[in-house]
C-alpha atoms as a PDB file:
ATOM      1  CA  UNK A   1      -6.919  12.257  27.220  1.00  0.00           C
ATOM      2  CA  UNK A   2      -4.075  10.907  25.927  1.00  0.00           C
ATOM      3  CA  UNK A   3      -4.047   7.322  23.802  1.00  0.00           C
ATOM      4  CA  UNK A   4      -1.631   4.900  23.047  1.00  0.00           C
ATOM      5  CA  UNK A   5      -1.442   3.168  20.000  1.00  0.00           C
ATOM      6  CA  UNK A   6       0.560   1.616  16.968  1.00  0.00           C
ATOM      7  CA  UNK A   7       0.860   3.378  13.915  1.00  0.00           C
ATOM      8  CA  UNK A   8       1.915   2.429  10.442  1.00  0.00           C
ATOM      9  CA  UNK A   9       3.219   5.663   8.508  1.00  0.00           C
ATOM     10  CA  UNK A  10       1.692   6.435   4.951  1.00  0.00           C
ATOM     11  CA  UNK A  11       3.315   9.511   4.019  1.00  0.00           C
ATOM     12  CA  UNK A  12       4.171  13.166   5.051  1.00  0.00           C
ATOM     13  CA  UNK A  13       3.986  16.737   3.459  1.00  0.00           C
ATOM     14  CA  UNK A  14       6.315  19.165   4.696  1.00  0.00           C
ATOM     15  CA  UNK A  15       4.914  22.168   6.667  1.00  0.00           C
ATOM     16  CA  UNK A  16       6.336  25.550   7.686  1.00  0.00           C
ATOM     17  CA  UNK A  17      10.389  25.367   7.900  1.00  0.00           C
ATOM     18  CA  UNK A  18      11.036  22.328   9.916  1.00  0.00           C
ATOM     19  CA  UNK A  19       7.748  20.732  10.456  1.00  0.00           C
ATOM     20  CA  UNK A  20       5.634  17.832   8.725  1.00  0.00           C
ATOM     21  CA  UNK A  21       1.933  16.768   8.386  1.00  0.00           C
ATOM     22  CA  UNK A  22       2.195  13.057   8.574  1.00  0.00           C
ATOM     23  CA  UNK A  23      -0.409  10.689   7.948  1.00  0.00           C
ATOM     24  CA  UNK A  24      -0.666   7.559   9.917  1.00  0.00           C
ATOM     25  CA  UNK A  25      -3.013   4.418  10.070  1.00  0.00           C
ATOM     26  CA  UNK A  26      -3.583   3.923  13.782  1.00  0.00           C
ATOM     27  CA  UNK A  27      -4.641   0.769  15.640  1.00  0.00           C
ATOM     28  CA  UNK A  28      -6.872   2.639  18.152  1.00  0.00           C
ATOM     29  CA  UNK A  29      -8.044   5.806  15.879  1.00  0.00           C
ATOM     30  CA  UNK A  30      -7.671   4.720  12.205  1.00  0.00           C
ATOM     31  CA  UNK A  31      -6.529   7.281   9.896  1.00  0.00           C
ATOM     32  CA  UNK A  32      -5.098   9.949  11.530  1.00  0.00           C
ATOM     33  CA  UNK A  33      -3.005  13.464  10.464  1.00  0.00           C
ATOM     34  CA  UNK A  34      -0.540  14.764  13.163  1.00  0.00           C
ATOM     35  CA  UNK A  35       1.460  17.970  13.089  1.00  0.00           C
ATOM     36  CA  UNK A  36       5.524  16.550  13.833  1.00  0.00           C
ATOM     37  CA  UNK A  37       7.780  19.856  14.482  1.00  0.00           C
ATOM     38  CA  UNK A  38      11.524  20.146  13.988  1.00  0.00           C
ATOM     39  CA  UNK A  39      12.177  16.957  12.204  1.00  0.00           C
ATOM     40  CA  UNK A  40      13.712  18.621   9.347  1.00  0.00           C
ATOM     41  CA  UNK A  41      16.200  20.863  10.413  1.00  0.00           C
ATOM     42  CA  UNK A  42      19.749  20.352  10.705  1.00  0.00           C
ATOM     43  CA  UNK A  43      20.434  17.487  12.840  1.00  0.00           C
ATOM     44  CA  UNK A  44      17.427  15.871  12.908  1.00  0.00           C
ATOM     45  CA  UNK A  45      18.112  13.284   9.839  1.00  0.00           C
ATOM     46  CA  UNK A  46      17.017  10.251  12.512  1.00  0.00           C
ATOM     47  CA  UNK A  47      13.837  11.842  13.428  1.00  0.00           C
ATOM     48  CA  UNK A  48      12.720  12.376  10.032  1.00  0.00           C
ATOM     49  CA  UNK A  49      13.291   8.688   9.278  1.00  0.00           C
ATOM     50  CA  UNK A  50      10.622   7.790  11.422  1.00  0.00           C
ATOM     51  CA  UNK A  51       8.294   8.994   9.076  1.00  0.00           C
ATOM     52  CA  UNK A  52       9.163   7.337   6.117  1.00  0.00           C
ATOM     53  CA  UNK A  53       6.279   5.045   4.318  1.00  0.00           C
ATOM     54  CA  UNK A  54       5.200   2.193   6.314  1.00  0.00           C
ATOM     55  CA  UNK A  55       7.545   2.668   9.348  1.00  0.00           C
ATOM     56  CA  UNK A  56       5.937   0.848  12.349  1.00  0.00           C
ATOM     57  CA  UNK A  57       5.879   3.111  15.378  1.00  0.00           C
ATOM     58  CA  UNK A  58       4.439   3.112  18.986  1.00  0.00           C
ATOM     59  CA  UNK A  59       2.767   6.103  19.802  1.00  0.00           C
ATOM     60  CA  UNK A  60       0.976   8.268  22.422  1.00  0.00           C
ATOM     61  CA  UNK A  61      -0.977  10.784  20.665  1.00  0.00           C
ATOM     62  CA  UNK A  62      -3.813  13.568  21.364  1.00  0.00           C
ATOM     63  CA  UNK A  63      -7.299  12.655  19.732  1.00  0.00           C
ATOM     64  CA  UNK A  64      -8.528  15.035  17.485  1.00  0.00           C
ATOM     65  CA  UNK A  65     -12.022  15.946  16.121  1.00  0.00           C
ATOM     66  CA  UNK A  66     -12.740  14.183  13.008  1.00  0.00           C
ATOM     67  CA  UNK A  67     -10.781  15.090  10.455  1.00  0.00           C
ATOM     68  CA  UNK A  68      -8.724  17.417  12.322  1.00  0.00           C
ATOM     69  CA  UNK A  69      -5.074  17.978  12.866  1.00  0.00           C
ATOM     70  CA  UNK A  70      -3.429  17.024  16.182  1.00  0.00           C
ATOM     71  CA  UNK A  71      -0.302  16.154  17.704  1.00  0.00           C
ATOM     72  CA  UNK A  72       2.059  13.097  18.834  1.00  0.00           C
ATOM     73  CA  UNK A  73       2.931  13.128  22.603  1.00  0.00           C
ATOM     74  CA  UNK A  74       5.708  10.304  22.412  1.00  0.00           C
ATOM     75  CA  UNK A  75       6.909   7.999  19.456  1.00  0.00           C
ATOM     76  CA  UNK A  76       9.324   5.506  18.327  1.00  0.00           C
ATOM     77  CA  UNK A  77       9.949   2.817  15.847  1.00  0.00           C
ATOM     78  CA  UNK A  78       8.735  -0.518  16.902  1.00  0.00           C
ATOM     79  CA  UNK A  79      10.570  -2.635  14.408  1.00  0.00           C
ATOM     80  CA  UNK A  80      13.637  -1.056  12.537  1.00  0.00           C
ATOM     81  CA  UNK A  81      13.426  -2.604   9.042  1.00  0.00           C
ATOM     82  CA  UNK A  82      16.418  -4.795   8.761  1.00  0.00           C
ATOM     83  CA  UNK A  83      16.341  -5.564   5.027  1.00  0.00           C
ATOM     84  CA  UNK A  84      13.886  -3.075   3.173  1.00  0.00           C
ATOM     85  CA  UNK A  85      16.443  -0.075   3.041  1.00  0.00           C
ATOM     86  CA  UNK A  86      19.174  -2.158   1.627  1.00  0.00           C
ATOM     87  CA  UNK A  87      17.515  -3.843  -1.282  1.00  0.00           C
ATOM     88  CA  UNK A  88      15.832  -1.497  -4.261  1.00  0.00           C
ATOM     89  CA  UNK A  89      13.320  -3.956  -5.018  1.00  0.00           C
ATOM     90  CA  UNK A  90      12.157  -4.067  -1.607  1.00  0.00           C
ATOM     91  CA  UNK A  91      12.114  -0.366  -1.013  1.00  0.00           C
ATOM     92  CA  UNK A  92      10.426   0.125  -4.326  1.00  0.00           C
ATOM     93  CA  UNK A  93       7.711  -2.219  -3.506  1.00  0.00           C
ATOM     94  CA  UNK A  94       6.933  -0.656  -0.059  1.00  0.00           C
ATOM     95  CA  UNK A  95       6.696   2.659  -1.468  1.00  0.00           C
ATOM     96  CA  UNK A  96       4.162   1.493  -4.162  1.00  0.00           C
ATOM     97  CA  UNK A  97       2.086  -0.274  -1.490  1.00  0.00           C
ATOM     98  CA  UNK A  98       2.056   2.749   0.818  1.00  0.00           C
ATOM     99  CA  UNK A  99       0.789   4.636  -2.097  1.00  0.00           C
ATOM    100  CA  UNK A 100      -1.944   2.349  -2.562  1.00  0.00           C
ATOM    101  CA  UNK A 101      -2.902   2.119   1.283  1.00  0.00           C
ATOM    102  CA  UNK A 102      -2.943   6.112   1.470  1.00  0.00           C
ATOM    103  CA  UNK A 103      -5.149   6.129  -1.390  1.00  0.00           C
ATOM    104  CA  UNK A 104      -7.379   3.681  -0.409  1.00  0.00           C
ATOM    105  CA  UNK A 105      -7.650   3.410   3.484  1.00  0.00           C
ATOM    106  CA  UNK A 106      -9.663   6.405   4.495  1.00  0.00           C
ATOM    107  CA  UNK A 107     -11.206   5.222   7.866  1.00  0.00           C
ATOM    108  CA  UNK A 108     -11.188   7.670  10.660  1.00  0.00           C
ATOM    109  CA  UNK A 109     -12.201   4.890  13.176  1.00  0.00           C
ATOM    110  CA  UNK A 110     -10.731   1.789  14.704  1.00  0.00           C
ATOM    111  CA  UNK A 111     -10.440  -1.454  12.375  1.00  0.00           C
ATOM    112  CA  UNK A 112      -8.183  -3.611  14.261  1.00  0.00           C
ATOM    113  CA  UNK A 113      -8.245  -6.333  11.472  1.00  0.00           C
ATOM    114  CA  UNK A 114      -7.514  -4.224   8.851  1.00  0.00           C
ATOM    115  CA  UNK A 115      -4.799  -2.662  10.823  1.00  0.00           C
ATOM    116  CA  UNK A 116      -3.445  -6.329  11.871  1.00  0.00           C
ATOM    117  CA  UNK A 117      -3.546  -7.177   8.389  1.00  0.00           C
ATOM    118  CA  UNK A 118      -1.310  -4.537   7.342  1.00  0.00           C
ATOM    119  CA  UNK A 119       1.012  -4.513  10.250  1.00  0.00           C
ATOM    120  CA  UNK A 120       1.726  -8.363   9.945  1.00  0.00           C
ATOM    121  CA  UNK A 121       2.331  -8.133   6.178  1.00  0.00           C
ATOM    122  CA  UNK A 122       5.013  -5.443   6.710  1.00  0.00           C
ATOM    123  CA  UNK A 123       6.842  -7.284   9.191  1.00  0.00           C
ATOM    124  CA  UNK A 124       6.595 -10.421   6.996  1.00  0.00           C
ATOM    125  CA  UNK A 125       7.997  -8.640   4.034  1.00  0.00           C
ATOM    126  CA  UNK A 126      10.811  -7.370   5.987  1.00  0.00           C
ATOM    127  CA  UNK A 127      11.644 -10.747   6.825  1.00  0.00           C
ATOM    128  CA  UNK A 128      11.766 -11.983   3.727  1.00  0.00           C
ATOM    129  CA  UNK A 129      15.140 -12.805   1.979  1.00  0.00           C
ATOM    130  CA  UNK A 130      14.020 -14.477  -1.187  1.00  0.00           C
ATOM    131  CA  UNK A 131      10.823 -15.303  -2.952  1.00  0.00           C
ATOM    132  CA  UNK A 132       9.109 -11.641  -2.447  1.00  0.00           C
ATOM    133  CA  UNK A 133       8.520 -10.912  -6.380  1.00  0.00           C
ATOM    134  CA  UNK A 134       5.003 -11.836  -5.781  1.00  0.00           C
ATOM    135  CA  UNK A 135       4.326 -10.179  -2.729  1.00  0.00           C
ATOM    136  CA  UNK A 136       3.106  -6.819  -3.808  1.00  0.00           C
ATOM    137  CA  UNK A 137       0.370  -8.781  -6.118  1.00  0.00           C
ATOM    138  CA  UNK A 138      -0.686 -10.684  -3.012  1.00  0.00           C
ATOM    139  CA  UNK A 139      -0.842  -8.078  -0.957  1.00  0.00           C
ATOM    140  CA  UNK A 140      -3.296  -6.207  -3.338  1.00  0.00           C
ATOM    141  CA  UNK A 141      -5.585  -9.202  -3.470  1.00  0.00           C
ATOM    142  CA  UNK A 142      -5.567  -9.471   0.067  1.00  0.00           C
ATOM    143  CA  UNK A 143      -6.457  -5.626   0.424  1.00  0.00           C
ATOM    144  CA  UNK A 144      -9.253  -5.501  -1.888  1.00  0.00           C
ATOM    145  CA  UNK A 145     -11.024  -7.999   0.363  1.00  0.00           C
ATOM    146  CA  UNK A 146     -10.738  -5.754   3.481  1.00  0.00           C
ATOM    147  CA  UNK A 147     -11.688  -2.868   1.315  1.00  0.00           C
ATOM    148  CA  UNK A 148     -14.824  -4.508   0.058  1.00  0.00           C
ATOM    149  CA  UNK A 149     -14.235  -5.709  -3.353  1.00  0.00           C
ATOM    150  CA  UNK A 150     -12.683  -9.107  -2.813  1.00  0.00           C
ATOM    151  CA  UNK A 151     -11.595 -10.989  -5.885  1.00  0.00           C
ATOM    152  CA  UNK A 152     -13.186 -14.093  -6.458  1.00  0.00           C
ATOM    153  CA  UNK A 153     -11.618 -15.339  -9.866  1.00  0.00           C
ATOM    154  CA  UNK A 154      -9.222 -14.154 -12.261  1.00  0.00           C
ATOM    155  CA  UNK A 155     -11.952 -14.270 -15.055  1.00  0.00           C
ATOM    156  CA  UNK A 156     -14.326 -11.700 -12.901  1.00  0.00           C
ATOM    157  CA  UNK A 157     -11.048  -9.129 -12.711  1.00  0.00           C
ATOM    158  CA  UNK A 158     -10.426  -9.341 -16.420  1.00  0.00           C
ATOM    159  CA  UNK A 159     -13.998  -9.225 -17.547  1.00  0.00           C
ATOM    160  CA  UNK A 160     -14.339  -5.907 -15.264  1.00  0.00           C
ATOM    161  CA  UNK A 161     -11.323  -4.344 -16.786  1.00  0.00           C
ATOM    162  CA  UNK A 162     -11.860  -5.517 -20.287  1.00  0.00           C
ATOM    163  CA  UNK A 163     -15.392  -3.892 -20.105  1.00  0.00           C
ATOM    164  CA  UNK A 164     -14.527  -0.645 -18.517  1.00  0.00           C
ATOM    165  CA  UNK A 165     -11.903  -0.293 -21.122  1.00  0.00           C
ATOM    166  CA  UNK A 166     -14.091  -1.038 -23.861  1.00  0.00           C
ATOM    167  CA  UNK A 167     -16.749   1.489 -22.889  1.00  0.00           C
ATOM    168  CA  UNK A 168     -20.630   0.858 -22.439  1.00  0.00           C
ATOM    169  CA  UNK A 169     -22.261  -1.731 -24.051  1.00  0.00           C
ATOM    170  CA  UNK A 170     -19.284  -3.585 -25.161  1.00  0.00           C
ATOM    171  CA  UNK A 171     -16.407  -5.985 -23.916  1.00  0.00           C
ATOM    172  CA  UNK A 172     -13.873  -4.665 -25.979  1.00  0.00           C
ATOM    173  CA  UNK A 173     -13.151  -7.863 -27.995  1.00  0.00           C
ATOM    174  CA  UNK A 174      -9.429  -6.927 -28.660  1.00  0.00           C
ATOM    175  CA  UNK A 175      -8.414  -5.961 -25.383  1.00  0.00           C
ATOM    176  CA  UNK A 176     -10.688  -8.714 -23.840  1.00  0.00           C
ATOM    177  CA  UNK A 177      -8.608 -11.152 -25.962  1.00  0.00           C
ATOM    178  CA  UNK A 178      -5.151  -9.598 -24.646  1.00  0.00           C
ATOM    179  CA  UNK A 179      -6.194  -9.699 -21.183  1.00  0.00           C
ATOM    180  CA  UNK A 180      -7.337 -13.237 -21.263  1.00  0.00           C
ATOM    181  CA  UNK A 181      -3.844 -14.315 -21.711  1.00  0.00           C
ATOM    182  CA  UNK A 182      -3.109 -12.931 -18.158  1.00  0.00           C
ATOM    183  CA  UNK A 183      -5.880 -15.209 -16.864  1.00  0.00           C
ATOM    184  CA  UNK A 184      -4.196 -18.321 -15.934  1.00  0.00           C
ATOM    185  CA  UNK A 185      -1.277 -16.548 -14.027  1.00  0.00           C
ATOM    186  CA  UNK A 186      -3.530 -14.477 -12.252  1.00  0.00           C
ATOM    187  CA  UNK A 187      -5.305 -17.670 -11.355  1.00  0.00           C
ATOM    188  CA  UNK A 188      -2.191 -18.714 -10.161  1.00  0.00           C
ATOM    189  CA  UNK A 189      -1.426 -15.956  -7.867  1.00  0.00           C
ATOM    190  CA  UNK A 190      -5.106 -16.106  -6.453  1.00  0.00           C
ATOM    191  CA  UNK A 191      -4.556 -19.830  -5.508  1.00  0.00           C
ATOM    192  CA  UNK A 192      -0.692 -19.635  -4.361  1.00  0.00           C
ATOM    193  CA  UNK A 193      -0.277 -16.166  -3.946  1.00  0.00           C
ATOM    194  CA  UNK A 194       3.299 -15.315  -2.823  1.00  0.00           C
ATOM    195  CA  UNK A 195       4.650 -18.684  -4.010  1.00  0.00           C
ATOM    196  CA  UNK A 196       3.151 -18.579  -7.753  1.00  0.00           C
ATOM    197  CA  UNK A 197       5.435 -19.421 -10.261  1.00  0.00           C
ATOM    198  CA  UNK A 198       5.497 -16.721 -13.030  1.00  0.00           C
ATOM    199  CA  UNK A 199       7.223 -16.865 -16.073  1.00  0.00           C
ATOM    200  CA  UNK A 200       9.020 -13.483 -16.445  1.00  0.00           C
ATOM    201  CA  UNK A 201       9.085  -9.829 -15.086  1.00  0.00           C
ATOM    202  CA  UNK A 202       6.760  -9.224 -18.106  1.00  0.00           C
ATOM    203  CA  UNK A 203       4.089 -11.165 -16.877  1.00  0.00           C
ATOM    204  CA  UNK A 204       4.409  -9.842 -13.339  1.00  0.00           C
ATOM    205  CA  UNK A 205       4.402  -6.236 -14.682  1.00  0.00           C
ATOM    206  CA  UNK A 206       1.143  -6.778 -16.702  1.00  0.00           C
ATOM    207  CA  UNK A 207      -0.444  -8.321 -13.811  1.00  0.00           C
ATOM    208  CA  UNK A 208       0.165  -5.748 -11.440  1.00  0.00           C
ATOM    209  CA  UNK A 209      -1.248  -3.046 -13.973  1.00  0.00           C
ATOM    210  CA  UNK A 210      -4.123  -5.115 -14.034  1.00  0.00           C
ATOM    211  CA  UNK A 211      -4.716  -5.331 -10.080  1.00  0.00           C
ATOM    212  CA  UNK A 212      -4.282  -1.661 -10.117  1.00  0.00           C
ATOM    213  CA  UNK A 213      -6.666  -1.001 -12.863  1.00  0.00           C
ATOM    214  CA  UNK A 214      -9.089  -3.040 -11.143  1.00  0.00           C
ATOM    215  CA  UNK A 215      -8.663  -0.836  -7.922  1.00  0.00           C
ATOM    216  CA  UNK A 216      -9.163   2.217  -9.808  1.00  0.00           C
ATOM    217  CA  UNK A 217     -12.589   0.976 -10.847  1.00  0.00           C
ATOM    218  CA  UNK A 218     -13.695  -0.195  -7.251  1.00  0.00           C
ATOM    219  CA  UNK A 219     -11.903   3.289  -5.216  1.00  0.00           C
ATOM    220  CA  UNK A 220     -13.708   6.525  -6.240  1.00  0.00           C
ATOM    221  CA  UNK A 221     -10.906   8.985  -7.156  1.00  0.00           C
ATOM    222  CA  UNK A 222      -8.035   6.593  -6.765  1.00  0.00           C
ATOM    223  CA  UNK A 223      -6.062   8.483  -9.413  1.00  0.00           C
ATOM    224  CA  UNK A 224      -2.781   8.077 -10.794  1.00  0.00           C
ATOM    225  CA  UNK A 225      -0.441   5.978  -8.804  1.00  0.00           C
ATOM    226  CA  UNK A 226       3.064   7.831  -8.986  1.00  0.00           C
ATOM    227  CA  UNK A 227       5.061   4.910  -7.695  1.00  0.00           C
ATOM    228  CA  UNK A 228       3.568   2.647 -10.106  1.00  0.00           C
ATOM    229  CA  UNK A 229       6.417   3.179 -13.416  1.00  0.00           C
ATOM    230  CA  UNK A 230       9.215   2.862 -10.611  1.00  0.00           C
ATOM    231  CA  UNK A 231       8.228  -0.424  -9.393  1.00  0.00           C
ATOM    232  CA  UNK A 232       7.428  -1.549 -12.927  1.00  0.00           C
ATOM    233  CA  UNK A 233      10.934  -0.803 -14.150  1.00  0.00           C
ATOM    234  CA  UNK A 234      12.703  -2.372 -10.922  1.00  0.00           C
ATOM    235  CA  UNK A 235      10.755  -5.564 -11.048  1.00  0.00           C
ATOM    236  CA  UNK A 236      11.022  -5.690 -15.126  1.00  0.00           C
ATOM    237  CA  UNK A 237      13.596  -8.287 -15.026  1.00  0.00           C
END
């Protein structure tokens, strides 16, 4: 039986000569993997564009056994991006966040509240013309809550990260002192999220690395985030 669902593209890998295997977080079925044929051959540029990270799709799909590959019967872009492809800062933020979601969201079952958060956040981000410099920080804080390790305070994050970095049985005094300098800025982001005032790109970059480390402590085998250095460079000013 075919299933009609909205979907959020996370990533894809090449498959055979002209096909891909794409991972999509769906509203009805959770995380799914689909084989899509003939999207990489000559003249198919517009089709492969529909499977770029965080593209929002309307789909009709074949359900699969848990963890199995299946196929998409119909698909179309539900909300073409108006600003993201034309701003290197926004496209870098979206690439980074899509990698984070791809590595942390692993449910192969419906989770409408998480899907709605992701879908609404992506639309909101594309509509923002200014003031999006802290969007990725706010997104990470909100995503952590959906994943079960919500941030209650800046001190909590800093203490956990410093303790882990210092090794068992110590808080790592030097590291803790350096991290504590970020505490008021992280507290500001927690309190005001996207509207938080941060003094410069360096502080924003340090907060980004801090929150990624916090995710690595709570998500097993999260691993290296490959897009993180690129985003850090783009947002360094």
